[in-house]
Amino acid sequence: MALTTHLYGYVSRTVQGRGDSYYRIGAVRVINGNKDALQAFVFGSHRYKVDLYRKEDTLYASCTCPYFEGEGGSCKHIWATLLAGEKRSYLRGEDNSDPLRLIGL
């Protein structure tokens, strides 16, 4: 299954649509990625850093954007980074499975 298939319920459709747009225009620059972690910069009106790491079936996320810091919810930058990670098969864990939950840090 795709990484975002299990996590779409944690991100609003509006935010997903905005994140899809960022991903499609190539705004995500992966810094580092592997089976347990992913760091990226997402470029929009500013450059925002997204950090994702996996522990068992849970994916923990943070972003430096005002939306994430103010609302505490998953933002378009996190969703765009998830799409980039999905494309590269990052965050699949030790057992090559998708995380089941998304939690903001």
PDB file of N, CA and C in Angstrom:
ATOM      1  N   MET A   1       0.829  -1.190   0.000  1.00  0.00           N
ATOM      2  CA  MET A   1       0.000   0.000   0.000  1.00  0.00           C
ATOM      3  C   MET A   1       0.868   1.246   0.000  1.00  0.00           C
ATOM      4  N   ALA A   2       0.284   2.340  -0.342  1.00  0.00           N
ATOM      5  CA  ALA A   2       0.992   3.616  -0.348  1.00  0.00           C
ATOM      6  C   ALA A   2       1.024   4.209   1.052  1.00  0.00           C
ATOM      7  N   LEU A   3       2.101   4.884   1.366  1.00  0.00           N
ATOM      8  CA  LEU A   3       2.286   5.529   2.659  1.00  0.00           C
ATOM      9  C   LEU A   3       1.104   6.416   3.024  1.00  0.00           C
ATOM     10  N   THR A   4       0.658   7.225   2.098  1.00  0.00           N
ATOM     11  CA  THR A   4      -0.417   8.176   2.384  1.00  0.00           C
ATOM     12  C   THR A   4      -1.791   7.504   2.515  1.00  0.00           C
ATOM     13  N   THR A   5      -1.933   6.278   2.053  1.00  0.00           N
ATOM     14  CA  THR A   5      -3.214   5.577   2.150  1.00  0.00           C
ATOM     15  C   THR A   5      -3.637   5.407   3.607  1.00  0.00           C
ATOM     16  N   HIS A   6      -2.704   5.077   4.474  1.00  0.00           N
ATOM     17  CA  HIS A   6      -3.018   4.886   5.888  1.00  0.00           C
ATOM     18  C   HIS A   6      -3.126   6.204   6.645  1.00  0.00           C
ATOM     19  N   LEU A   7      -2.527   7.257   6.131  1.00  0.00           N
ATOM     20  CA  LEU A   7      -2.419   8.500   6.899  1.00  0.00           C
ATOM     21  C   LEU A   7      -3.359   9.608   6.450  1.00  0.00           C
ATOM     22  N   TYR A   8      -4.109   9.418   5.371  1.00  0.00           N
ATOM     23  CA  TYR A   8      -4.929  10.499   4.833  1.00  0.00           C
ATOM     24  C   TYR A   8      -5.973  10.997   5.832  1.00  0.00           C
ATOM     25  N   GLY A   9      -6.443  10.148   6.724  1.00  0.00           N
ATOM     26  CA  GLY A   9      -7.447  10.542   7.709  1.00  0.00           C
ATOM     27  C   GLY A   9      -6.927  11.503   8.766  1.00  0.00           C
ATOM     28  N   TYR A  10      -5.626  11.659   8.847  1.00  0.00           N
ATOM     29  CA  TYR A  10      -5.016  12.560   9.827  1.00  0.00           C
ATOM     30  C   TYR A  10      -4.784  13.960   9.263  1.00  0.00           C
ATOM     31  N   VAL A  11      -5.091  14.141   7.978  1.00  0.00           N
ATOM     32  CA  VAL A  11      -4.838  15.417   7.305  1.00  0.00           C
ATOM     33  C   VAL A  11      -6.103  15.802   6.545  1.00  0.00           C
ATOM     34  N   SER A  12      -6.556  17.042   6.711  1.00  0.00           N
ATOM     35  CA  SER A  12      -7.793  17.460   6.048  1.00  0.00           C
ATOM     36  C   SER A  12      -7.625  17.429   4.524  1.00  0.00           C
ATOM     37  N   ARG A  13      -8.728  17.297   3.830  1.00  0.00           N
ATOM     38  CA  ARG A  13      -8.684  17.267   2.359  1.00  0.00           C
ATOM     39  C   ARG A  13      -8.135  18.569   1.793  1.00  0.00           C
ATOM     40  N   THR A  14      -8.470  19.672   2.409  1.00  0.00           N
ATOM     41  CA  THR A  14      -7.964  20.963   1.948  1.00  0.00           C
ATOM     42  C   THR A  14      -6.444  21.003   2.045  1.00  0.00           C
ATOM     43  N   VAL A  15      -5.922  20.577   3.182  1.00  0.00           N
ATOM     44  CA  VAL A  15      -4.470  20.551   3.385  1.00  0.00           C
ATOM     45  C   VAL A  15      -3.824  19.556   2.420  1.00  0.00           C
ATOM     46  N   GLN A  16      -4.459  18.408   2.211  1.00  0.00           N
ATOM     47  CA  GLN A  16      -3.928  17.434   1.253  1.00  0.00           C
ATOM     48  C   GLN A  16      -3.822  18.049  -0.140  1.00  0.00           C
ATOM     49  N   GLY A  17      -4.859  18.765  -0.562  1.00  0.00           N
ATOM     50  CA  GLY A  17      -4.844  19.387  -1.887  1.00  0.00           C
ATOM     51  C   GLY A  17      -3.720  20.390  -2.033  1.00  0.00           C
ATOM     52  N   ARG A  18      -3.504  21.178  -1.012  1.00  0.00           N
ATOM     53  CA  ARG A  18      -2.406  22.160  -1.051  1.00  0.00           C
ATOM     54  C   ARG A  18      -1.054  21.464  -1.061  1.00  0.00           C
ATOM     55  N   GLY A  19      -0.933  20.399  -0.255  1.00  0.00           N
ATOM     56  CA  GLY A  19       0.312  19.630  -0.237  1.00  0.00           C
ATOM     57  C   GLY A  19       0.575  18.930  -1.560  1.00  0.00           C
ATOM     58  N   ASP A  20      -0.487  18.401  -2.182  1.00  0.00           N
ATOM     59  CA  ASP A  20      -0.356  17.791  -3.510  1.00  0.00           C
ATOM     60  C   ASP A  20       0.223  18.805  -4.503  1.00  0.00           C
ATOM     61  N   SER A  21      -0.286  20.026  -4.448  1.00  0.00           N
ATOM     62  CA  SER A  21       0.196  21.078  -5.361  1.00  0.00           C
ATOM     63  C   SER A  21       1.675  21.354  -5.135  1.00  0.00           C
ATOM     64  N   TYR A  22       2.085  21.462  -3.888  1.00  0.00           N
ATOM     65  CA  TYR A  22       3.500  21.701  -3.581  1.00  0.00           C
ATOM     66  C   TYR A  22       4.362  20.562  -4.110  1.00  0.00           C
ATOM     67  N   TYR A  23       3.902  19.339  -3.899  1.00  0.00           N
ATOM     68  CA  TYR A  23       4.658  18.187  -4.375  1.00  0.00           C
ATOM     69  C   TYR A  23       4.773  18.189  -5.901  1.00  0.00           C
ATOM     70  N   ARG A  24       3.657  18.446  -6.581  1.00  0.00           N
ATOM     71  CA  ARG A  24       3.645  18.412  -8.054  1.00  0.00           C
ATOM     72  C   ARG A  24       4.547  19.469  -8.683  1.00  0.00           C
ATOM     73  N   ILE A  25       4.687  20.626  -8.047  1.00  0.00           N
ATOM     74  CA  ILE A  25       5.544  21.666  -8.631  1.00  0.00           C
ATOM     75  C   ILE A  25       7.012  21.496  -8.239  1.00  0.00           C
ATOM     76  N   GLY A  26       7.310  20.447  -7.465  1.00  0.00           N
ATOM     77  CA  GLY A  26       8.703  20.167  -7.101  1.00  0.00           C
ATOM     78  C   GLY A  26       9.226  21.006  -5.950  1.00  0.00           C
ATOM     79  N   ALA A  27       8.351  21.407  -5.041  1.00  0.00           N
ATOM     80  CA  ALA A  27       8.748  22.273  -3.931  1.00  0.00           C
ATOM     81  C   ALA A  27       9.439  21.524  -2.795  1.00  0.00           C
ATOM     82  N   VAL A  28       9.456  20.196  -2.848  1.00  0.00           N
ATOM     83  CA  VAL A  28      10.058  19.400  -1.769  1.00  0.00           C
ATOM     84  C   VAL A  28      11.488  19.030  -2.140  1.00  0.00           C
ATOM     85  N   ARG A  29      12.410  19.348  -1.231  1.00  0.00           N
ATOM     86  CA  ARG A  29      13.815  18.960  -1.391  1.00  0.00           C
ATOM     87  C   ARG A  29      14.183  18.056  -0.229  1.00  0.00           C
ATOM     88  N   VAL A  30      14.319  16.763  -0.502  1.00  0.00           N
ATOM     89  CA  VAL A  30      14.661  15.796   0.535  1.00  0.00           C
ATOM     90  C   VAL A  30      16.120  16.000   0.924  1.00  0.00           C
ATOM     91  N   ILE A  31      16.348  16.123   2.224  1.00  0.00           N
ATOM     92  CA  ILE A  31      17.699  16.265   2.760  1.00  0.00           C
ATOM     93  C   ILE A  31      18.267  14.887   3.072  1.00  0.00           C
ATOM     94  N   ASN A  32      17.435  14.084   3.742  1.00  0.00           N
ATOM     95  CA  ASN A  32      17.858  12.758   4.159  1.00  0.00           C
ATOM     96  C   ASN A  32      16.615  11.887   4.308  1.00  0.00           C
ATOM     97  N   GLY A  33      16.712  10.654   3.902  1.00  0.00           N
ATOM     98  CA  GLY A  33      15.583   9.749   4.060  1.00  0.00           C
ATOM     99  C   GLY A  33      16.035   8.315   4.124  1.00  0.00           C
ATOM    100  N   ASN A  34      15.290   7.527   4.901  1.00  0.00           N
ATOM    101  CA  ASN A  34      15.545   6.097   4.989  1.00  0.00           C
ATOM    102  C   ASN A  34      14.281   5.406   5.501  1.00  0.00           C
ATOM    103  N   LYS A  35      14.397   4.193   5.982  1.00  0.00           N
ATOM    104  CA  LYS A  35      13.218   3.422   6.399  1.00  0.00           C
ATOM    105  C   LYS A  35      12.554   3.965   7.667  1.00  0.00           C
ATOM    106  N   ASP A  36      13.294   4.780   8.441  1.00  0.00           N
ATOM    107  CA  ASP A  36      12.768   5.255   9.716  1.00  0.00           C
ATOM    108  C   ASP A  36      12.635   6.771   9.841  1.00  0.00           C
ATOM    109  N   ALA A  37      13.207   7.529   8.933  1.00  0.00           N
ATOM    110  CA  ALA A  37      13.194   8.987   9.085  1.00  0.00           C
ATOM    111  C   ALA A  37      13.260   9.671   7.730  1.00  0.00           C
ATOM    112  N   LEU A  38      12.782  10.909   7.729  1.00  0.00           N
ATOM    113  CA  LEU A  38      12.816  11.724   6.508  1.00  0.00           C
ATOM    114  C   LEU A  38      12.868  13.189   6.923  1.00  0.00           C
ATOM    115  N   GLN A  39      13.844  13.896   6.376  1.00  0.00           N
ATOM    116  CA  GLN A  39      13.949  15.331   6.587  1.00  0.00           C
ATOM    117  C   GLN A  39      13.944  16.003   5.227  1.00  0.00           C
ATOM    118  N   ALA A  40      13.209  17.112   5.151  1.00  0.00           N
ATOM    119  CA  ALA A  40      13.110  17.827   3.875  1.00  0.00           C
ATOM    120  C   ALA A  40      12.883  19.311   4.119  1.00  0.00           C
ATOM    121  N   PHE A  41      13.199  20.091   3.098  1.00  0.00           N
ATOM    122  CA  PHE A  41      12.789  21.483   3.047  1.00  0.00           C
ATOM    123  C   PHE A  41      11.681  21.573   2.015  1.00  0.00           C
ATOM    124  N   VAL A  42      10.664  22.363   2.328  1.00  0.00           N
ATOM    125  CA  VAL A  42       9.588  22.615   1.380  1.00  0.00           C
ATOM    126  C   VAL A  42       9.576  24.120   1.126  1.00  0.00           C
ATOM    127  N   PHE A  43       9.643  24.472  -0.159  1.00  0.00           N
ATOM    128  CA  PHE A  43       9.741  25.867  -0.559  1.00  0.00           C
ATOM    129  C   PHE A  43       8.391  26.384  -1.037  1.00  0.00           C
ATOM    130  N   GLY A  44       7.956  27.446  -0.422  1.00  0.00           N
ATOM    131  CA  GLY A  44       6.733  28.143  -0.809  1.00  0.00           C
ATOM    132  C   GLY A  44       7.023  29.619  -0.674  1.00  0.00           C
ATOM    133  N   SER A  45       6.216  30.313   0.120  1.00  0.00           N
ATOM    134  CA  SER A  45       6.498  31.720   0.387  1.00  0.00           C
ATOM    135  C   SER A  45       7.768  31.850   1.224  1.00  0.00           C
ATOM    136  N   HIS A  46       8.109  30.813   1.972  1.00  0.00           N
ATOM    137  CA  HIS A  46       9.339  30.710   2.746  1.00  0.00           C
ATOM    138  C   HIS A  46       9.844  29.276   2.624  1.00  0.00           C
ATOM    139  N   ARG A  47      10.989  29.031   3.200  1.00  0.00           N
ATOM    140  CA  ARG A  47      11.525  27.664   3.264  1.00  0.00           C
ATOM    141  C   ARG A  47      11.185  27.096   4.635  1.00  0.00           C
ATOM    142  N   TYR A  48      10.507  25.945   4.647  1.00  0.00           N
ATOM    143  CA  TYR A  48      10.116  25.302   5.891  1.00  0.00           C
ATOM    144  C   TYR A  48      10.769  23.937   5.994  1.00  0.00           C
ATOM    145  N   LYS A  49      11.207  23.600   7.205  1.00  0.00           N
ATOM    146  CA  LYS A  49      11.840  22.303   7.430  1.00  0.00           C
ATOM    147  C   LYS A  49      10.815  21.341   8.003  1.00  0.00           C
ATOM    148  N   VAL A  50      10.745  20.165   7.398  1.00  0.00           N
ATOM    149  CA  VAL A  50       9.854  19.102   7.850  1.00  0.00           C
ATOM    150  C   VAL A  50      10.710  17.945   8.333  1.00  0.00           C
ATOM    151  N   ASP A  51      10.376  17.448   9.517  1.00  0.00           N
ATOM    152  CA  ASP A  51      11.031  16.268  10.084  1.00  0.00           C
ATOM    153  C   ASP A  51       9.978  15.209  10.337  1.00  0.00           C
ATOM    154  N   LEU A  52      10.237  14.022   9.835  1.00  0.00           N
ATOM    155  CA  LEU A  52       9.362  12.878  10.057  1.00  0.00           C
ATOM    156  C   LEU A  52      10.212  11.736  10.593  1.00  0.00           C
ATOM    157  N   TYR A  53       9.741  11.072  11.607  1.00  0.00           N
ATOM    158  CA  TYR A  53      10.422   9.855  12.035  1.00  0.00           C
ATOM    159  C   TYR A  53       9.401   8.837  12.498  1.00  0.00           C
ATOM    160  N   ARG A  54       9.785   7.613  12.334  1.00  0.00           N
ATOM    161  CA  ARG A  54       8.887   6.502  12.596  1.00  0.00           C
ATOM    162  C   ARG A  54       9.367   5.725  13.813  1.00  0.00           C
ATOM    163  N   LYS A  55       8.406   5.381  14.666  1.00  0.00           N
ATOM    164  CA  LYS A  55       8.658   4.477  15.780  1.00  0.00           C
ATOM    165  C   LYS A  55       7.520   3.468  15.781  1.00  0.00           C
ATOM    166  N   GLU A  56       7.848   2.234  15.465  1.00  0.00           N
ATOM    167  CA  GLU A  56       6.881   1.147  15.299  1.00  0.00           C
ATOM    168  C   GLU A  56       5.840   1.541  14.254  1.00  0.00           C
ATOM    169  N   ASP A  57       4.551   1.570  14.593  1.00  0.00           N
ATOM    170  CA  ASP A  57       3.505   1.874  13.616  1.00  0.00           C
ATOM    171  C   ASP A  57       3.088   3.346  13.603  1.00  0.00           C
ATOM    172  N   THR A  58       3.838   4.192  14.292  1.00  0.00           N
ATOM    173  CA  THR A  58       3.479   5.603  14.401  1.00  0.00           C
ATOM    174  C   THR A  58       4.519   6.466  13.705  1.00  0.00           C
ATOM    175  N   LEU A  59       4.034   7.455  12.973  1.00  0.00           N
ATOM    176  CA  LEU A  59       4.893   8.424  12.313  1.00  0.00           C
ATOM    177  C   LEU A  59       4.734   9.755  13.035  1.00  0.00           C
ATOM    178  N   TYR A  60       5.843  10.308  13.490  1.00  0.00           N
ATOM    179  CA  TYR A  60       5.853  11.584  14.195  1.00  0.00           C
ATOM    180  C   TYR A  60       6.319  12.663  13.223  1.00  0.00           C
ATOM    181  N   ALA A  61       5.658  13.807  13.263  1.00  0.00           N
ATOM    182  CA  ALA A  61       5.935  14.854  12.280  1.00  0.00           C
ATOM    183  C   ALA A  61       6.055  16.217  12.940  1.00  0.00           C
ATOM    184  N   SER A  62       6.918  17.046  12.350  1.00  0.00           N
ATOM    185  CA  SER A  62       6.987  18.450  12.746  1.00  0.00           C
ATOM    186  C   SER A  62       7.347  19.291  11.530  1.00  0.00           C
ATOM    187  N   CYS A  63       6.938  20.550  11.591  1.00  0.00           N
ATOM    188  CA  CYS A  63       7.227  21.497  10.522  1.00  0.00           C
ATOM    189  C   CYS A  63       7.443  22.863  11.160  1.00  0.00           C
ATOM    190  N   THR A  64       8.289  23.667  10.549  1.00  0.00           N
ATOM    191  CA  THR A  64       8.586  24.991  11.085  1.00  0.00           C
ATOM    192  C   THR A  64       7.616  26.072  10.616  1.00  0.00           C
ATOM    193  N   CYS A  65       6.561  25.704   9.893  1.00  0.00           N
ATOM    194  CA  CYS A  65       5.621  26.713   9.390  1.00  0.00           C
ATOM    195  C   CYS A  65       4.698  27.220  10.505  1.00  0.00           C
ATOM    196  N   PRO A  66       4.151  28.417  10.343  1.00  0.00           N
ATOM    197  CA  PRO A  66       3.251  28.984  11.355  1.00  0.00           C
ATOM    198  C   PRO A  66       1.984  28.149  11.576  1.00  0.00           C
ATOM    199  N   TYR A  67       1.458  27.529  10.529  1.00  0.00           N
ATOM    200  CA  TYR A  67       0.245  26.713  10.674  1.00  0.00           C
ATOM    201  C   TYR A  67       0.486  25.574  11.648  1.00  0.00           C
ATOM    202  N   PHE A  68       1.575  24.830  11.435  1.00  0.00           N
ATOM    203  CA  PHE A  68       1.877  23.697  12.307  1.00  0.00           C
ATOM    204  C   PHE A  68       2.147  24.176  13.723  1.00  0.00           C
ATOM    205  N   GLU A  69       2.946  25.228  13.857  1.00  0.00           N
ATOM    206  CA  GLU A  69       3.305  25.723  15.184  1.00  0.00           C
ATOM    207  C   GLU A  69       2.105  26.316  15.913  1.00  0.00           C
ATOM    208  N   GLY A  70       1.155  26.888  15.171  1.00  0.00           N
ATOM    209  CA  GLY A  70      -0.019  27.494  15.793  1.00  0.00           C
ATOM    210  C   GLY A  70      -1.154  26.519  16.012  1.00  0.00           C
ATOM    211  N   GLU A  71      -1.466  25.736  14.987  1.00  0.00           N
ATOM    212  CA  GLU A  71      -2.591  24.810  15.043  1.00  0.00           C
ATOM    213  C   GLU A  71      -2.196  23.445  15.606  1.00  0.00           C
ATOM    214  N   GLY A  72      -0.944  23.067  15.400  1.00  0.00           N
ATOM    215  CA  GLY A  72      -0.481  21.772  15.863  1.00  0.00           C
ATOM    216  C   GLY A  72      -0.911  20.615  14.989  1.00  0.00           C
ATOM    217  N   GLY A  73      -1.597  20.919  13.890  1.00  0.00           N
ATOM    218  CA  GLY A  73      -2.057  19.869  12.989  1.00  0.00           C
ATOM    219  C   GLY A  73      -1.119  19.695  11.817  1.00  0.00           C
ATOM    220  N   SER A  74      -1.319  18.629  11.094  1.00  0.00           N
ATOM    221  CA  SER A  74      -0.484  18.378   9.923  1.00  0.00           C
ATOM    222  C   SER A  74      -0.750  19.429   8.863  1.00  0.00           C
ATOM    223  N   CYS A  75       0.296  19.929   8.285  1.00  0.00           N
ATOM    224  CA  CYS A  75       0.219  21.021   7.321  1.00  0.00           C
ATOM    225  C   CYS A  75       0.503  20.521   5.898  1.00  0.00           C
ATOM    226  N   LYS A  76       0.352  21.422   4.946  1.00  0.00           N
ATOM    227  CA  LYS A  76       0.591  21.084   3.540  1.00  0.00           C
ATOM    228  C   LYS A  76       2.043  20.680   3.301  1.00  0.00           C
ATOM    229  N   HIS A  77       2.965  21.220   4.090  1.00  0.00           N
ATOM    230  CA  HIS A  77       4.384  20.879   3.926  1.00  0.00           C
ATOM    231  C   HIS A  77       4.647  19.436   4.358  1.00  0.00           C
ATOM    232  N   ILE A  78       3.997  19.023   5.431  1.00  0.00           N
ATOM    233  CA  ILE A  78       4.122  17.630   5.881  1.00  0.00           C
ATOM    234  C   ILE A  78       3.523  16.702   4.837  1.00  0.00           C
ATOM    235  N   TRP A  79       2.346  17.052   4.318  1.00  0.00           N
ATOM    236  CA  TRP A  79       1.712  16.189   3.318  1.00  0.00           C
ATOM    237  C   TRP A  79       2.573  16.093   2.054  1.00  0.00           C
ATOM    238  N   ALA A  80       3.121  17.203   1.604  1.00  0.00           N
ATOM    239  CA  ALA A  80       3.994  17.196   0.419  1.00  0.00           C
ATOM    240  C   ALA A  80       5.221  16.314   0.664  1.00  0.00           C
ATOM    241  N   THR A  81       5.773  16.381   1.875  1.00  0.00           N
ATOM    242  CA  THR A  81       6.937  15.567   2.211  1.00  0.00           C
ATOM    243  C   THR A  81       6.564  14.091   2.283  1.00  0.00           C
ATOM    244  N   LEU A  82       5.385  13.787   2.792  1.00  0.00           N
ATOM    245  CA  LEU A  82       4.916  12.396   2.784  1.00  0.00           C
ATOM    246  C   LEU A  82       4.823  11.851   1.362  1.00  0.00           C
ATOM    247  N   LEU A  83       4.331  12.667   0.445  1.00  0.00           N
ATOM    248  CA  LEU A  83       4.243  12.230  -0.952  1.00  0.00           C
ATOM    249  C   LEU A  83       5.631  11.974  -1.541  1.00  0.00           C
ATOM    250  N   ALA A  84       6.582  12.843  -1.210  1.00  0.00           N
ATOM    251  CA  ALA A  84       7.959  12.646  -1.687  1.00  0.00           C
ATOM    252  C   ALA A  84       8.562  11.381  -1.084  1.00  0.00           C
ATOM    253  N   GLY A  85       8.297  11.136   0.193  1.00  0.00           N
ATOM    254  CA  GLY A  85       8.790   9.924   0.849  1.00  0.00           C
ATOM    255  C   GLY A  85       8.167   8.670   0.271  1.00  0.00           C
ATOM    256  N   GLU A  86       6.883   8.758  -0.020  1.00  0.00           N
ATOM    257  CA  GLU A  86       6.178   7.635  -0.631  1.00  0.00           C
ATOM    258  C   GLU A  86       6.811   7.277  -1.980  1.00  0.00           C
ATOM    259  N   LYS A  87       7.117   8.270  -2.761  1.00  0.00           N
ATOM    260  CA  LYS A  87       7.717   8.059  -4.088  1.00  0.00           C
ATOM    261  C   LYS A  87       9.056   7.318  -3.990  1.00  0.00           C
ATOM    262  N   ARG A  88       9.787   7.585  -2.905  1.00  0.00           N
ATOM    263  CA  ARG A  88      11.113   6.982  -2.727  1.00  0.00           C
ATOM    264  C   ARG A  88      11.110   5.773  -1.795  1.00  0.00           C
ATOM    265  N   SER A  89       9.929   5.337  -1.361  1.00  0.00           N
ATOM    266  CA  SER A  89       9.779   4.189  -0.451  1.00  0.00           C
ATOM    267  C   SER A  89      10.473   4.400   0.892  1.00  0.00           C
ATOM    268  N   TYR A  90      10.501   5.636   1.387  1.00  0.00           N
ATOM    269  CA  TYR A  90      11.025   5.928   2.712  1.00  0.00           C
ATOM    270  C   TYR A  90       9.945   5.649   3.759  1.00  0.00           C
ATOM    271  N   LEU A  91      10.377   5.558   5.002  1.00  0.00           N
ATOM    272  CA  LEU A  91       9.494   5.403   6.159  1.00  0.00           C
ATOM    273  C   LEU A  91       8.744   4.075   6.171  1.00  0.00           C
ATOM    274  N   ARG A  92       9.314   3.056   5.572  1.00  0.00           N
ATOM    275  CA  ARG A  92       8.675   1.736   5.503  1.00  0.00           C
ATOM    276  C   ARG A  92       8.986   0.868   6.718  1.00  0.00           C
ATOM    277  N   GLY A  93       9.880   1.287   7.597  1.00  0.00           N
ATOM    278  CA  GLY A  93      10.181   0.551   8.821  1.00  0.00           C
ATOM    279  C   GLY A  93      10.962  -0.725   8.576  1.00  0.00           C
ATOM    280  N   GLU A  94      11.254  -1.381   9.677  1.00  0.00           N
ATOM    281  CA  GLU A  94      12.035  -2.625   9.626  1.00  0.00           C
ATOM    282  C   GLU A  94      11.326  -3.733   8.851  1.00  0.00           C
ATOM    283  N   ASP A  95      10.005  -3.763   8.946  1.00  0.00           N
ATOM    284  CA  ASP A  95       9.257  -4.851   8.320  1.00  0.00           C
ATOM    285  C   ASP A  95       8.645  -4.466   6.977  1.00  0.00           C
ATOM    286  N   ASN A  96       9.101  -3.349   6.407  1.00  0.00           N
ATOM    287  CA  ASN A  96       8.647  -2.892   5.094  1.00  0.00           C
ATOM    288  C   ASN A  96       7.124  -2.684   5.051  1.00  0.00           C
ATOM    289  N   SER A  97       6.606  -2.039   6.089  1.00  0.00           N
ATOM    290  CA  SER A  97       5.177  -1.752   6.162  1.00  0.00           C
ATOM    291  C   SER A  97       4.963  -0.248   6.313  1.00  0.00           C
ATOM    292  N   ASP A  98       3.747   0.180   6.118  1.00  0.00           N
ATOM    293  CA  ASP A  98       3.412   1.582   6.269  1.00  0.00           C
ATOM    294  C   ASP A  98       3.042   1.890   7.712  1.00  0.00           C
ATOM    295  N   PRO A  99       3.369   3.096   8.188  1.00  0.00           N
ATOM    296  CA  PRO A  99       2.894   3.495   9.514  1.00  0.00           C
ATOM    297  C   PRO A  99       1.370   3.657   9.483  1.00  0.00           C
ATOM    298  N   LEU A 100       0.748   3.480  10.639  1.00  0.00           N
ATOM    299  CA  LEU A 100      -0.708   3.518  10.713  1.00  0.00           C
ATOM    300  C   LEU A 100      -1.243   4.795  11.343  1.00  0.00           C
ATOM    301  N   ARG A 101      -0.391   5.539  12.029  1.00  0.00           N
ATOM    302  CA  ARG A 101      -0.822   6.764  12.695  1.00  0.00           C
ATOM    303  C   ARG A 101       0.155   7.894  12.416  1.00  0.00           C
ATOM    304  N   LEU A 102      -0.352   9.119  12.436  1.00  0.00           N
ATOM    305  CA  LEU A 102       0.454  10.319  12.247  1.00  0.00           C
ATOM    306  C   LEU A 102       0.207  11.241  13.432  1.00  0.00           C
ATOM    307  N   ILE A 103       1.279  11.596  14.123  1.00  0.00           N
ATOM    308  CA  ILE A 103       1.170  12.444  15.305  1.00  0.00           C
ATOM    309  C   ILE A 103       2.127  13.624  15.153  1.00  0.00           C
ATOM    310  N   GLY A 104       1.627  14.815  15.402  1.00  0.00           N
ATOM    311  CA  GLY A 104       2.461  16.009  15.376  1.00  0.00           C
ATOM    312  C   GLY A 104       3.235  16.148  16.659  1.00  0.00           C
ATOM    313  N   LEU A 105       4.459  16.646  16.523  1.00  0.00           N
ATOM    314  CA  LEU A 105       5.317  16.848  17.701  1.00  0.00           C
ATOM    315  C   LEU A 105       5.196  18.259  18.236  1.00  0.00           C
TER     316      LEU A 105
END
